[in-house]
Amino acid sequence: MKAAFIEQTGPPDVIQYGELPTPEPTGSQVLVRTGAVAVNPIDTYIRNGANYWELPRPFVIGCDLAGVVEAVGPGATRFRAGDRVWCSNQGLLGRQGTFAEWCAVDESWLYPTPDDVSDQAAAACALVGITAHLGLFGRAELQPGETIFVQGGSGGVGSMVVQMAKAVGARVFTTAGSDEKVAACHDLGADRAVNYKMCDVQEELRQFAPQGANVFWETQREPNFDQIVAALAERGRIVLMAGRDARPQFPVGPFYVKGCSLHGFVMFKASADEMRASSDDINRWLSQGKLRAKIGQVLPLSQSAEAHRLQEANTLNKAGTLAGKIVLTP
């Protein structure tokens, strides 16, 4: 089979595209014929050597996948040949990744794809959708009628947070770095979206939510906690999902006096049951049109190295050339 893989970590140039043996499903694994995969920032970190576990060699890159079941292992019971499925959380914790024509995935990480949802949409929403759901409902416990501030509502996770918050009846205030991205946030359902380069965000939020935001979702790698805590309502909750090397100052006094809480998490440490609960809501909202994939580029799997370059340029170097997920197809 064709696959995008690495023999050693390093820059995007270490990604090879070539032949690897087609995996055989064992135990509770399911063999999936790939229809689409998606690129995530964590994919580039792992490829570049930021690994907390030993990688198999060769290592197939990628976390997300959508496709069709080809065969099932002797211990698999949840799916059968012909079922459409999607997954995330591959290529992590020592598991092989998804950038291949066929992938063997344990059935505990697979979810049925609704008939009216494309493989590209399912793959594009996989990791970012599960991340948003875990943070919003498993950590921040967002409630209908509450106000949420989403820092960067046009990005991969941010766009999922905006839509999911609206799906449960929250009020959404978000920021973006251009007028085009602001318009995209409004299209996703944000009640108020502002260009943070052109306005006083704190003043805009005060007008939108005089008592402050109940939840503040931070997507940036270097949080400004003085601004975040000032933006929160009493008993406000902060969600962090980025900034592994960040060491910002923290306003302890204002934080605890307001009775606030801080929630940090990484999606790949969530259990299979937690992720399956997220997938149920994601599938329902995708079918209802309340959740839409935000796809910025579609490339062939053979251009995996170029896809990593594009993702890295936008994640690390703030190139601003990507508005949505990068999806690849075999």
Protein backbone atom coordinates (compact mmCIF):
# COMPACT_ATOMS: atom_id res chain seq x y z
CA MET A 1 0.00 0.00 0.00
CA LYS A 2 1.02 3.64 -0.39
CA ALA A 3 1.72 5.52 2.83
CA ALA A 4 3.36 8.70 4.15
CA PHE A 5 5.88 7.71 6.83
CA ILE A 6 9.14 8.63 8.53
CA GLU A 7 12.21 6.60 9.49
CA GLN A 8 13.55 9.39 11.71
CA THR A 9 12.22 12.62 13.16
CA GLY A 10 13.06 16.00 11.69
CA PRO A 11 11.72 18.68 9.29
CA PRO A 12 8.98 17.96 6.73
CA ASP A 13 11.60 16.65 4.30
CA VAL A 14 11.95 13.47 6.37
CA ILE A 15 8.45 12.41 5.29
CA GLN A 16 8.61 9.66 2.68
CA TYR A 17 5.78 8.55 0.41
CA GLY A 18 6.07 5.00 -0.77
CA GLU A 19 5.16 1.35 -0.32
CA LEU A 20 4.58 -0.31 3.04
CA PRO A 21 2.94 -3.67 3.80
CA THR A 22 -0.84 -3.53 4.15
CA PRO A 23 -1.63 -4.19 7.83
CA GLU A 24 -3.61 -7.22 8.94
CA PRO A 25 -6.24 -6.58 11.63
CA THR A 26 -5.58 -8.57 14.79
CA GLY A 27 -7.55 -8.88 18.01
CA SER A 28 -10.18 -6.13 18.16
CA GLN A 29 -8.64 -4.16 15.29
CA VAL A 30 -10.57 -3.14 12.18
CA LEU A 31 -8.97 -2.69 8.74
CA VAL A 32 -10.16 0.59 7.22
CA ARG A 33 -9.72 1.64 3.58
CA THR A 34 -8.85 5.31 3.83
CA GLY A 35 -11.13 7.90 2.25
CA ALA A 36 -9.64 11.03 3.82
CA VAL A 37 -7.19 12.11 6.52
CA ALA A 38 -6.49 15.50 8.12
CA VAL A 39 -3.40 17.32 9.39
CA ASN A 40 -3.14 18.62 12.96
CA PRO A 41 -0.44 20.70 14.65
CA ILE A 42 0.42 17.76 16.91
CA ASP A 43 1.33 15.75 13.78
CA THR A 44 4.09 18.25 13.02
CA TYR A 45 5.35 18.24 16.61
CA ILE A 46 5.68 14.44 16.63
CA ARG A 47 7.35 14.39 13.21
CA ASN A 48 9.81 17.02 14.45
CA GLY A 49 10.83 14.98 17.49
CA ALA A 50 8.62 16.24 20.34
CA ASN A 51 7.76 12.70 21.38
CA TYR A 52 6.84 11.38 24.79
CA TRP A 53 6.81 7.76 23.64
CA GLU A 54 8.86 5.55 21.35
CA LEU A 55 7.77 5.62 17.72
CA PRO A 56 7.50 2.45 15.65
CA ARG A 57 9.85 2.31 12.64
CA PRO A 58 8.79 3.06 10.01
CA PHE A 59 6.19 5.37 11.54
CA VAL A 60 3.08 6.26 9.55
CA ILE A 61 2.19 9.88 10.37
CA GLY A 62 -1.26 11.30 11.15
CA CYS A 63 -4.03 11.10 13.78
CA ASP A 64 -7.34 11.43 11.90
CA LEU A 65 -9.05 9.12 9.41
CA ALA A 66 -12.36 8.49 7.69
CA GLY A 67 -13.08 5.57 5.39
CA VAL A 68 -14.76 2.19 4.92
CA VAL A 69 -14.29 -1.05 6.87
CA GLU A 70 -12.60 -3.71 4.72
CA ALA A 71 -12.17 -6.47 7.32
CA VAL A 72 -12.34 -7.03 11.05
CA GLY A 73 -10.09 -8.88 13.48
CA PRO A 74 -11.26 -11.98 15.35
CA GLY A 75 -12.10 -10.00 18.48
CA ALA A 76 -13.87 -7.07 16.81
CA THR A 77 -17.66 -6.92 17.24
CA ARG A 78 -18.78 -3.33 16.71
CA PHE A 79 -18.32 -3.04 12.92
CA ARG A 80 -18.47 -5.14 9.79
CA ALA A 81 -17.18 -4.87 6.24
CA GLY A 82 -18.81 -2.00 4.33
CA ASP A 83 -19.44 0.21 7.37
CA ARG A 84 -18.30 3.82 7.05
CA VAL A 85 -16.23 4.94 10.02
CA TRP A 86 -14.02 7.76 11.30
CA CYS A 87 -11.47 8.04 14.06
CA SER A 88 -8.80 10.11 15.74
CA ASN A 89 -6.13 9.51 18.39
CA GLN A 90 -3.99 7.39 16.09
CA GLY A 91 -0.27 7.98 15.63
CA LEU A 92 -0.12 8.68 19.39
CA LEU A 93 1.09 6.75 22.42
CA GLY A 94 3.02 4.34 20.16
CA ARG A 95 0.17 3.60 17.76
CA GLN A 96 0.71 3.76 14.01
CA GLY A 97 -0.80 6.73 12.21
CA THR A 98 -3.37 7.13 9.48
CA PHE A 99 -1.66 8.58 6.37
CA ALA A 100 -1.93 5.34 4.40
CA GLU A 101 -4.29 3.64 1.98
CA TRP A 102 -5.27 1.10 4.67
CA CYS A 103 -5.12 1.40 8.45
CA ALA A 104 -5.63 -1.15 11.23
CA VAL A 105 -7.42 0.63 14.08
CA ASP A 106 -8.73 -0.81 17.33
CA GLU A 107 -12.51 -0.68 17.24
CA SER A 108 -12.61 1.24 20.54
CA TRP A 109 -11.32 4.34 18.69
CA LEU A 110 -13.70 4.05 15.72
CA TYR A 111 -17.08 5.76 15.29
CA PRO A 112 -19.77 5.32 12.63
CA THR A 113 -19.90 8.00 9.95
CA PRO A 114 -23.44 9.30 9.30
CA ASP A 115 -24.76 8.60 5.81
CA ASP A 116 -25.10 12.30 5.03
CA VAL A 117 -21.53 13.22 6.11
CA SER A 118 -18.58 12.97 3.71
CA ASP A 119 -15.27 11.33 4.57
CA GLN A 120 -13.53 14.69 4.12
CA ALA A 121 -15.88 16.39 6.58
CA ALA A 122 -15.57 13.58 9.14
CA ALA A 123 -11.77 13.59 8.97
CA ALA A 124 -11.60 17.38 9.19
CA CYS A 125 -13.74 17.40 12.34
CA ALA A 126 -12.11 14.44 14.10
CA LEU A 127 -9.32 15.59 16.42
CA VAL A 128 -10.44 19.22 16.56
CA GLY A 129 -14.05 18.23 17.22
CA ILE A 130 -13.21 15.79 20.00
CA THR A 131 -10.84 18.35 21.52
CA ALA A 132 -13.52 21.04 21.51
CA HIS A 133 -16.15 18.72 22.97
CA LEU A 134 -13.93 17.41 25.75
CA GLY A 135 -12.94 20.93 26.77
CA LEU A 136 -16.38 22.51 26.55
CA PHE A 137 -18.43 19.82 28.24
CA GLY A 138 -16.01 17.52 30.05
CA ARG A 139 -13.94 20.32 31.59
CA ALA A 140 -15.67 23.74 31.45
CA GLU A 141 -19.20 22.26 31.69
CA LEU A 142 -20.62 24.98 29.46
CA GLN A 143 -24.34 25.57 30.04
CA PRO A 144 -27.09 27.00 27.80
CA GLY A 145 -27.31 30.78 28.13
CA GLU A 146 -23.73 31.20 29.34
CA THR A 147 -21.25 33.43 27.54
CA ILE A 148 -18.02 32.04 26.11
CA PHE A 149 -15.01 33.98 24.81
CA VAL A 150 -13.18 32.01 22.10
CA GLN A 151 -9.68 33.30 21.42
CA GLY A 152 -9.29 32.64 17.70
CA GLY A 153 -12.65 31.41 16.45
CA SER A 154 -11.58 30.82 12.86
CA GLY A 155 -8.94 28.15 13.58
CA GLY A 156 -9.30 24.39 13.60
CA VAL A 157 -10.32 23.91 17.23
CA GLY A 158 -11.70 27.44 17.61
CA SER A 159 -14.23 26.97 14.81
CA MET A 160 -15.43 23.76 16.47
CA VAL A 161 -15.77 25.50 19.85
CA VAL A 162 -17.83 28.32 18.31
CA GLN A 163 -20.24 25.91 16.62
CA MET A 164 -20.61 23.52 19.55
CA ALA A 165 -21.22 26.37 21.98
CA LYS A 166 -24.00 27.66 19.72
CA ALA A 167 -25.40 24.14 19.35
CA VAL A 168 -26.13 24.06 23.10
CA GLY A 169 -27.47 27.61 23.30
CA ALA A 170 -24.49 29.59 24.59
CA ARG A 171 -23.63 33.17 23.62
CA VAL A 172 -20.35 33.32 21.69
CA PHE A 173 -17.86 36.17 21.53
CA THR A 174 -14.76 35.47 19.46
CA THR A 175 -11.73 37.10 17.86
CA ALA A 176 -9.94 36.68 14.54
CA GLY A 177 -7.00 38.30 12.78
CA SER A 178 -8.63 39.64 9.61
CA ASP A 179 -11.97 40.93 8.41
CA GLU A 180 -12.34 37.81 6.26
CA LYS A 181 -11.85 35.57 9.28
CA VAL A 182 -14.26 37.68 11.32
CA ALA A 183 -16.87 37.14 8.61
CA ALA A 184 -16.13 33.39 8.73
CA CYS A 185 -16.74 33.37 12.49
CA HIS A 186 -20.11 35.06 12.03
CA ASP A 187 -20.93 32.49 9.34
CA LEU A 188 -20.20 29.75 11.89
CA GLY A 189 -22.75 31.32 14.25
CA ALA A 190 -20.74 33.58 16.55
CA ASP A 191 -22.93 36.25 18.14
CA ARG A 192 -20.05 38.74 18.08
CA ALA A 193 -16.72 38.46 16.29
CA VAL A 194 -14.06 41.18 16.21
CA ASN A 195 -10.73 41.78 14.49
CA TYR A 196 -8.28 41.83 17.39
CA LYS A 197 -5.79 43.80 15.30
CA MET A 198 -8.23 46.64 14.75
CA CYS A 199 -10.17 47.12 17.99
CA ASP A 200 -10.06 47.10 21.78
CA VAL A 201 -11.13 43.51 22.48
CA GLN A 202 -11.65 44.05 26.21
CA GLU A 203 -13.98 47.00 25.57
CA GLU A 204 -15.89 45.06 22.92
CA LEU A 205 -16.36 42.19 25.37
CA ARG A 206 -17.54 44.56 28.12
CA GLN A 207 -20.24 45.83 25.78
CA PHE A 208 -21.24 42.28 24.81
CA ALA A 209 -21.08 40.77 28.30
CA PRO A 210 -20.96 43.45 31.04
CA GLN A 211 -20.54 40.79 33.74
CA GLY A 212 -17.75 39.04 31.84
CA ALA A 213 -17.47 35.67 30.11
CA ASN A 214 -18.38 32.48 31.94
CA VAL A 215 -15.87 30.49 29.90
CA PHE A 216 -12.66 31.65 28.23
CA TRP A 217 -11.25 29.26 25.62
CA GLU A 218 -7.58 30.00 24.92
CA THR A 219 -6.12 28.70 21.65
CA GLN A 220 -2.90 30.75 21.70
CA ARG A 221 0.46 29.33 22.72
CA GLU A 222 1.32 32.26 25.05
CA PRO A 223 -1.69 33.14 27.23
CA ASN A 224 -2.03 36.62 28.74
CA PHE A 225 -3.62 35.67 32.03
CA ASP A 226 -4.03 39.26 33.22
CA GLN A 227 -6.34 39.92 30.26
CA ILE A 228 -8.03 36.52 30.53
CA VAL A 229 -8.91 36.82 34.22
CA ALA A 230 -10.08 40.41 33.71
CA ALA A 231 -12.42 39.15 30.99
CA LEU A 232 -14.02 36.48 33.19
CA ALA A 233 -17.26 36.64 35.13
CA GLU A 234 -17.50 35.42 38.71
CA ARG A 235 -16.76 31.68 38.83
CA GLY A 236 -15.46 31.83 35.27
CA ARG A 237 -13.62 28.87 33.76
CA ILE A 238 -10.48 28.99 31.61
CA VAL A 239 -9.69 26.20 29.14
CA LEU A 240 -6.09 25.74 27.96
CA MET A 241 -5.10 23.44 25.10
CA ALA A 242 -1.80 24.81 23.77
CA GLY A 243 1.55 26.26 24.82
CA ARG A 244 3.66 23.31 26.02
CA ASP A 245 6.66 25.57 26.67
CA ALA A 246 4.75 28.66 27.86
CA ARG A 247 5.63 30.12 31.28
CA PRO A 248 3.42 33.22 31.56
CA GLN A 249 2.84 35.34 34.64
CA PHE A 250 -0.37 34.54 36.51
CA PRO A 251 -2.58 36.97 38.53
CA VAL A 252 -3.25 34.70 41.49
CA GLY A 253 -5.20 37.26 43.54
CA PRO A 254 -7.79 38.34 40.95
CA PHE A 255 -8.17 34.70 39.88
CA TYR A 256 -9.07 33.20 43.24
CA VAL A 257 -11.08 36.19 44.46
CA LYS A 258 -13.42 35.70 41.50
CA GLY A 259 -13.66 31.99 42.30
CA CYS A 260 -12.35 31.03 38.87
CA SER A 261 -11.04 27.66 37.73
CA LEU A 262 -8.40 26.64 35.19
CA HIS A 263 -8.67 23.51 33.03
CA GLY A 264 -5.79 22.20 30.97
CA PHE A 265 -5.98 19.02 28.93
CA VAL A 266 -4.74 17.11 25.89
CA MET A 267 -7.29 15.08 23.98
CA PHE A 268 -5.11 12.02 23.43
CA LYS A 269 -5.13 11.26 27.17
CA ALA A 270 -8.92 10.97 27.22
CA SER A 271 -10.36 7.47 27.50
CA ALA A 272 -12.02 5.63 24.63
CA ASP A 273 -15.38 5.99 26.39
CA GLU A 274 -14.94 9.77 26.77
CA MET A 275 -14.10 10.12 23.09
CA ARG A 276 -17.02 7.94 22.04
CA ALA A 277 -19.38 10.19 24.01
CA SER A 278 -17.91 13.16 22.12
CA SER A 279 -18.37 11.36 18.80
CA ASP A 280 -22.10 10.86 19.45
CA ASP A 281 -22.70 14.61 19.71
CA ILE A 282 -20.35 15.36 16.80
CA ASN A 283 -22.19 12.91 14.52
CA ARG A 284 -25.60 14.28 15.51
CA TRP A 285 -24.57 17.91 14.97
CA LEU A 286 -22.90 17.10 11.64
CA SER A 287 -26.10 15.45 10.42
CA GLN A 288 -28.23 18.34 11.69
CA GLY A 289 -26.01 20.94 10.02
CA LYS A 290 -25.14 22.50 13.38
CA LEU A 291 -21.49 21.51 12.91
CA ARG A 292 -19.64 22.12 9.66
CA ALA A 293 -16.16 21.12 8.67
CA LYS A 294 -13.88 24.06 7.94
CA ILE A 295 -11.56 22.80 5.19
CA GLY A 296 -8.85 25.13 3.92
CA GLN A 297 -6.91 22.87 1.55
CA VAL A 298 -7.44 19.45 -0.03
CA LEU A 299 -4.28 17.70 -1.23
CA PRO A 300 -3.35 14.20 -2.41
CA LEU A 301 -1.73 11.94 0.18
CA SER A 302 1.46 12.03 -1.89
CA GLN A 303 1.86 15.70 -0.85
CA SER A 304 2.00 14.95 2.87
CA ALA A 305 5.34 16.75 3.27
CA GLU A 306 3.92 19.88 1.65
CA ALA A 307 0.87 19.63 3.92
CA HIS A 308 3.16 19.58 6.96
CA ARG A 309 5.06 22.60 5.67
CA LEU A 310 1.82 24.51 5.26
CA GLN A 311 0.55 23.53 8.71
CA GLU A 312 3.84 24.43 10.36
CA ALA A 313 4.02 27.80 8.60
CA ASN A 314 0.65 28.72 10.04
CA THR A 315 0.94 27.14 13.50
CA LEU A 316 4.46 28.27 14.34
CA ASN A 317 5.17 31.18 12.00
CA LYS A 318 1.66 32.73 11.89
CA ALA A 319 1.75 32.90 8.07
CA GLY A 320 -2.01 33.41 7.89
CA THR A 321 -2.23 31.42 4.65
CA LEU A 322 -4.55 28.72 5.97
CA ALA A 323 -8.21 29.16 6.88
CA GLY A 324 -9.36 25.70 7.89
CA LYS A 325 -8.12 22.14 8.06
CA ILE A 326 -5.76 20.49 5.58
CA VAL A 327 -7.40 17.31 4.26
CA LEU A 328 -5.61 14.69 2.17
CA THR A 329 -7.03 11.89 0.05
CA PRO A 330 -5.31 8.73 -1.29
